[in-house]
Amino acid sequence: MRVDRLEITNDHMIFITITTLLAIAFVGRHFWRRNGLQKLTFRQNPNKNVAAFCTVCLDEITEGDKFRRLPEYKHCFHLECIDV
């Protein structure tokens, strides 16, 4: 019995992409909750002139922005960039 080569159409690629993104969002959400990474609100320290940047979008995290931070490496992420 011969199996013909599988053809992947644009519709299949769209379905695969959407399914993959939903799976990443679900796993990411579970990861944040399981590891207890809190939602933080950025407050600028007036004694320090240090900027924080989102590791995903590379934009600056400004006063009042909601974000998460990895405890060991201190990488910061906007909630909008990682929580779906």
N, C-alpha and C. Protein backbone atom coordinates (compact mmCIF):
# COMPACT_ATOMS: atom_id res chain seq x y z
N MET A 1 0.84 -1.17 0.00
CA MET A 1 0.00 0.00 0.00
C MET A 1 0.89 1.24 0.00
N ARG A 2 0.61 2.17 -0.87
CA ARG A 2 1.41 3.38 -1.01
C ARG A 2 0.67 4.56 -0.37
N VAL A 3 1.42 5.35 0.39
CA VAL A 3 0.85 6.54 1.01
C VAL A 3 1.35 7.74 0.23
N ASP A 4 0.43 8.54 -0.28
CA ASP A 4 0.82 9.75 -1.01
C ASP A 4 1.37 10.79 -0.03
N ARG A 5 2.16 11.66 -0.60
CA ARG A 5 2.76 12.72 0.21
C ARG A 5 1.67 13.64 0.77
N LEU A 6 1.81 14.02 2.04
CA LEU A 6 0.86 14.88 2.70
C LEU A 6 1.01 16.31 2.17
N GLU A 7 -0.09 16.89 1.75
CA GLU A 7 -0.06 18.27 1.27
C GLU A 7 -0.63 19.18 2.35
N ILE A 8 0.12 20.19 2.69
CA ILE A 8 -0.34 21.14 3.70
C ILE A 8 -0.72 22.43 2.98
N THR A 9 -1.97 22.79 3.13
CA THR A 9 -2.47 24.01 2.48
C THR A 9 -2.34 25.20 3.43
N ASN A 10 -2.67 26.37 2.93
CA ASN A 10 -2.64 27.57 3.78
C ASN A 10 -3.63 27.45 4.93
N ASP A 11 -4.78 26.84 4.67
CA ASP A 11 -5.77 26.64 5.74
C ASP A 11 -5.21 25.76 6.85
N HIS A 12 -4.46 24.72 6.46
CA HIS A 12 -3.84 23.85 7.46
C HIS A 12 -2.81 24.63 8.27
N MET A 13 -2.01 25.46 7.60
CA MET A 13 -0.99 26.24 8.30
C MET A 13 -1.61 27.23 9.29
N ILE A 14 -2.70 27.86 8.90
CA ILE A 14 -3.40 28.78 9.79
C ILE A 14 -3.92 28.02 11.01
N PHE A 15 -4.52 26.87 10.79
CA PHE A 15 -5.03 26.05 11.90
C PHE A 15 -3.90 25.63 12.83
N ILE A 16 -2.80 25.18 12.27
CA ILE A 16 -1.65 24.74 13.07
C ILE A 16 -1.09 25.92 13.88
N THR A 17 -0.98 27.08 13.26
CA THR A 17 -0.45 28.26 13.94
C THR A 17 -1.34 28.68 15.10
N ILE A 18 -2.64 28.76 14.85
CA ILE A 18 -3.58 29.16 15.91
C ILE A 18 -3.58 28.15 17.04
N THR A 19 -3.58 26.88 16.71
CA THR A 19 -3.56 25.83 17.74
C THR A 19 -2.28 25.92 18.57
N THR A 20 -1.17 26.15 17.92
CA THR A 20 0.11 26.26 18.63
C THR A 20 0.11 27.47 19.56
N LEU A 21 -0.38 28.62 19.09
CA LEU A 21 -0.42 29.81 19.92
C LEU A 21 -1.33 29.63 21.13
N LEU A 22 -2.46 28.98 20.94
CA LEU A 22 -3.36 28.71 22.06
C LEU A 22 -2.72 27.78 23.08
N ALA A 23 -2.00 26.78 22.60
CA ALA A 23 -1.30 25.86 23.50
C ALA A 23 -0.22 26.58 24.29
N ILE A 24 0.53 27.46 23.63
CA ILE A 24 1.58 28.23 24.32
C ILE A 24 0.95 29.14 25.37
N ALA A 25 -0.16 29.78 25.02
CA ALA A 25 -0.85 30.66 25.98
C ALA A 25 -1.31 29.87 27.20
N PHE A 26 -1.88 28.70 26.99
CA PHE A 26 -2.37 27.88 28.10
C PHE A 26 -1.21 27.43 28.98
N VAL A 27 -0.16 26.93 28.37
CA VAL A 27 1.00 26.45 29.14
C VAL A 27 1.66 27.61 29.87
N GLY A 28 1.80 28.75 29.21
CA GLY A 28 2.40 29.91 29.84
C GLY A 28 1.62 30.38 31.05
N ARG A 29 0.32 30.41 30.91
CA ARG A 29 -0.54 30.81 32.03
C ARG A 29 -0.39 29.86 33.20
N HIS A 30 -0.37 28.56 32.91
CA HIS A 30 -0.19 27.55 33.95
C HIS A 30 1.18 27.71 34.61
N PHE A 31 2.21 27.99 33.80
CA PHE A 31 3.56 28.17 34.32
C PHE A 31 3.62 29.33 35.31
N TRP A 32 3.02 30.48 34.94
CA TRP A 32 3.07 31.65 35.82
C TRP A 32 2.36 31.37 37.13
N ARG A 33 1.21 30.73 37.06
CA ARG A 33 0.45 30.44 38.27
C ARG A 33 1.17 29.42 39.14
N ARG A 34 1.68 28.37 38.51
CA ARG A 34 2.32 27.29 39.26
C ARG A 34 3.57 27.78 39.97
N ASN A 35 4.33 28.65 39.34
CA ASN A 35 5.57 29.13 39.92
C ASN A 35 5.40 30.38 40.77
N GLY A 36 4.17 30.82 40.90
CA GLY A 36 3.89 31.93 41.81
C GLY A 36 4.49 33.26 41.39
N LEU A 37 4.66 33.49 40.11
CA LEU A 37 5.18 34.78 39.67
C LEU A 37 4.06 35.80 39.74
N GLN A 38 4.23 36.76 40.60
CA GLN A 38 3.18 37.72 40.88
C GLN A 38 3.05 38.77 39.79
N LYS A 39 1.84 39.34 39.74
CA LYS A 39 1.64 40.52 38.91
C LYS A 39 2.13 41.71 39.73
N LEU A 40 3.02 42.48 39.15
CA LEU A 40 3.59 43.63 39.83
C LEU A 40 3.19 44.91 39.12
N THR A 41 3.18 46.01 39.84
CA THR A 41 2.96 47.33 39.26
C THR A 41 4.25 48.12 39.39
N PHE A 42 4.73 48.64 38.28
CA PHE A 42 6.03 49.33 38.27
C PHE A 42 5.91 50.69 38.95
N ARG A 43 6.81 50.93 39.88
CA ARG A 43 6.95 52.22 40.56
C ARG A 43 8.41 52.65 40.45
N GLN A 44 8.65 53.81 39.88
CA GLN A 44 10.01 54.31 39.71
C GLN A 44 10.56 54.74 41.06
N ASN A 45 11.75 54.29 41.37
CA ASN A 45 12.43 54.70 42.60
C ASN A 45 13.07 56.07 42.35
N PRO A 46 12.68 57.09 43.11
CA PRO A 46 13.24 58.42 42.84
C PRO A 46 14.74 58.52 43.11
N ASN A 47 15.29 57.59 43.89
CA ASN A 47 16.72 57.61 44.21
C ASN A 47 17.57 56.94 43.14
N LYS A 48 16.93 56.19 42.25
CA LYS A 48 17.68 55.48 41.20
C LYS A 48 17.16 55.92 39.84
N ASN A 49 18.07 56.05 38.90
CA ASN A 49 17.69 56.40 37.53
C ASN A 49 17.94 55.18 36.65
N VAL A 50 17.16 54.12 36.88
CA VAL A 50 17.32 52.86 36.16
C VAL A 50 16.04 52.57 35.39
N ALA A 51 16.19 52.20 34.14
CA ALA A 51 15.03 51.87 33.31
C ALA A 51 14.84 50.36 33.26
N ALA A 52 13.58 49.93 33.20
CA ALA A 52 13.25 48.51 33.04
C ALA A 52 12.63 48.34 31.66
N PHE A 53 12.99 47.24 30.98
CA PHE A 53 12.49 46.98 29.64
C PHE A 53 11.83 45.62 29.58
N CYS A 54 10.77 45.52 28.80
CA CYS A 54 10.09 44.24 28.56
C CYS A 54 10.97 43.40 27.64
N THR A 55 11.24 42.17 28.04
CA THR A 55 12.10 41.30 27.27
C THR A 55 11.43 40.83 25.98
N VAL A 56 10.11 40.91 25.90
CA VAL A 56 9.39 40.47 24.70
C VAL A 56 9.30 41.58 23.66
N CYS A 57 8.71 42.72 24.03
CA CYS A 57 8.49 43.79 23.04
C CYS A 57 9.60 44.83 23.03
N LEU A 58 10.49 44.78 24.02
CA LEU A 58 11.64 45.69 24.15
C LEU A 58 11.25 47.13 24.44
N ASP A 59 9.99 47.38 24.80
CA ASP A 59 9.57 48.72 25.22
C ASP A 59 9.90 48.92 26.69
N GLU A 60 10.05 50.17 27.07
CA GLU A 60 10.33 50.49 28.46
C GLU A 60 9.09 50.24 29.32
N ILE A 61 9.29 49.72 30.49
CA ILE A 61 8.21 49.55 31.46
C ILE A 61 8.14 50.85 32.24
N THR A 62 7.01 51.53 32.16
CA THR A 62 6.87 52.86 32.74
C THR A 62 5.99 52.82 33.99
N GLU A 63 5.95 53.94 34.67
CA GLU A 63 5.19 54.08 35.91
C GLU A 63 3.75 53.59 35.75
N GLY A 64 3.34 52.68 36.62
CA GLY A 64 1.98 52.15 36.61
C GLY A 64 1.76 50.94 35.73
N ASP A 65 2.74 50.56 34.90
CA ASP A 65 2.59 49.37 34.04
C ASP A 65 2.54 48.11 34.89
N LYS A 66 1.71 47.16 34.49
CA LYS A 66 1.64 45.85 35.13
C LYS A 66 2.65 44.94 34.44
N PHE A 67 3.41 44.18 35.24
CA PHE A 67 4.43 43.32 34.65
C PHE A 67 4.71 42.14 35.57
N ARG A 68 5.48 41.18 35.04
CA ARG A 68 5.99 40.05 35.83
C ARG A 68 7.51 40.06 35.70
N ARG A 69 8.18 39.49 36.72
CA ARG A 69 9.63 39.44 36.69
C ARG A 69 10.10 38.05 37.12
N LEU A 70 11.00 37.47 36.33
CA LEU A 70 11.58 36.19 36.72
C LEU A 70 12.49 36.41 37.93
N PRO A 71 12.33 35.59 38.95
CA PRO A 71 13.06 35.85 40.20
C PRO A 71 14.57 35.72 40.08
N GLU A 72 15.05 34.74 39.36
CA GLU A 72 16.50 34.50 39.35
C GLU A 72 17.24 35.48 38.44
N TYR A 73 16.73 35.66 37.22
CA TYR A 73 17.45 36.48 36.24
C TYR A 73 16.94 37.90 36.14
N LYS A 74 15.82 38.20 36.79
CA LYS A 74 15.23 39.55 36.85
C LYS A 74 14.74 40.06 35.49
N HIS A 75 14.45 39.16 34.54
CA HIS A 75 13.85 39.59 33.27
C HIS A 75 12.43 40.05 33.53
N CYS A 76 12.04 41.16 32.91
CA CYS A 76 10.70 41.72 33.09
C CYS A 76 9.88 41.55 31.83
N PHE A 77 8.56 41.38 32.01
CA PHE A 77 7.63 41.18 30.89
C PHE A 77 6.35 41.94 31.19
N HIS A 78 5.85 42.73 30.20
CA HIS A 78 4.52 43.31 30.34
C HIS A 78 3.50 42.17 30.44
N LEU A 79 2.45 42.36 31.22
CA LEU A 79 1.40 41.36 31.29
C LEU A 79 0.77 41.15 29.91
N GLU A 80 0.62 42.23 29.14
CA GLU A 80 0.01 42.11 27.81
C GLU A 80 0.87 41.27 26.86
N CYS A 81 2.17 41.22 27.10
CA CYS A 81 3.06 40.49 26.21
C CYS A 81 3.09 38.99 26.51
N ILE A 82 2.79 38.58 27.74
CA ILE A 82 2.91 37.16 28.06
C ILE A 82 1.62 36.51 28.53
N ASP A 83 0.70 37.27 29.11
CA ASP A 83 -0.57 36.69 29.54
C ASP A 83 -1.59 36.84 28.43
N VAL A 84 -2.14 35.73 28.01
CA VAL A 84 -3.12 35.77 26.92
C VAL A 84 -4.48 35.46 27.48
